[in-house]
Amino acid sequence: MPSGLVSEFMTREVFTVHPDMDIFALAESFLKRVNRRFPVVEDGALVGQVTRFDVLRALQKYWG
């Protein structure tokens, strides 16, 4: 069974997005990074997360 501390595996420098960010700018951020999800932060508080799949679904609605 593997063992270790979370701190040994976690990402320390986290790229966050704001809930009011434009969906196309968010898509571009996903293209520039290897992350599959970003935390959504407003006024210093975590309010959710957004994934690559969420962006694809939003763009499908846009062009659907």
Protein backbone atom coordinates (compact mmCIF):
# COMPACT_ATOMS: atom_id res chain seq x y z
CA MET A 1 0.00 0.00 0.00
CA PRO A 2 1.49 3.36 -1.02
CA SER A 3 1.99 5.86 1.76
CA GLY A 4 2.97 9.47 2.16
CA LEU A 5 1.65 12.85 3.09
CA VAL A 6 -0.73 14.89 0.97
CA SER A 7 1.86 17.69 0.98
CA GLU A 8 4.21 15.43 -0.98
CA PHE A 9 1.75 15.16 -3.87
CA MET A 10 -0.26 18.37 -3.90
CA THR A 11 0.18 21.33 -6.20
CA ARG A 12 1.44 24.33 -4.24
CA GLU A 13 1.01 27.08 -6.82
CA VAL A 14 -2.64 27.00 -7.75
CA PHE A 15 -4.07 28.93 -10.69
CA THR A 16 -7.55 30.15 -9.78
CA VAL A 17 -10.31 31.78 -11.77
CA HIS A 18 -13.02 34.28 -10.87
CA PRO A 19 -16.72 33.42 -11.41
CA ASP A 20 -17.07 36.41 -13.76
CA MET A 21 -14.26 35.23 -16.08
CA ASP A 22 -15.20 35.01 -19.76
CA ILE A 23 -15.69 31.40 -20.90
CA PHE A 24 -13.38 31.91 -23.90
CA ALA A 25 -10.60 33.27 -21.67
CA LEU A 26 -11.12 30.25 -19.43
CA ALA A 27 -10.84 27.92 -22.43
CA GLU A 28 -7.57 29.62 -23.38
CA SER A 29 -6.28 29.10 -19.83
CA PHE A 30 -6.99 25.39 -20.13
CA LEU A 31 -5.08 25.27 -23.42
CA LYS A 32 -2.05 26.92 -21.83
CA ARG A 33 -1.94 24.63 -18.78
CA VAL A 34 -2.07 20.92 -18.08
CA ASN A 35 -4.73 21.28 -15.37
CA ARG A 36 -8.05 19.53 -15.85
CA ARG A 37 -9.84 21.73 -13.33
CA PHE A 38 -9.44 25.13 -11.70
CA PRO A 39 -10.71 26.35 -8.36
CA VAL A 40 -13.15 29.25 -8.63
CA VAL A 41 -12.37 31.91 -6.02
CA GLU A 42 -14.29 35.07 -5.16
CA ASP A 43 -13.17 37.54 -2.49
CA GLY A 44 -10.56 35.04 -1.30
CA ALA A 45 -13.10 32.26 -0.74
CA LEU A 46 -13.47 29.04 -2.71
CA VAL A 47 -16.90 29.06 -4.34
CA GLY A 48 -16.54 26.09 -6.68
CA GLN A 49 -14.48 24.48 -9.39
CA VAL A 50 -14.65 24.37 -13.16
CA THR A 51 -13.39 21.56 -15.39
CA ARG A 52 -12.35 21.23 -19.00
CA PHE A 53 -15.56 19.28 -19.57
CA ASP A 54 -17.60 22.16 -18.15
CA VAL A 55 -16.00 24.48 -20.71
CA LEU A 56 -16.69 22.07 -23.57
CA ARG A 57 -20.33 21.79 -22.49
CA ALA A 58 -20.64 25.61 -22.31
CA LEU A 59 -19.10 26.04 -25.76
CA GLN A 60 -21.42 23.37 -27.16
CA LYS A 61 -24.40 25.37 -25.87
CA TYR A 62 -22.90 28.52 -27.40
CA TRP A 63 -22.50 26.94 -30.86
CA GLY A 64 -25.27 24.33 -30.48
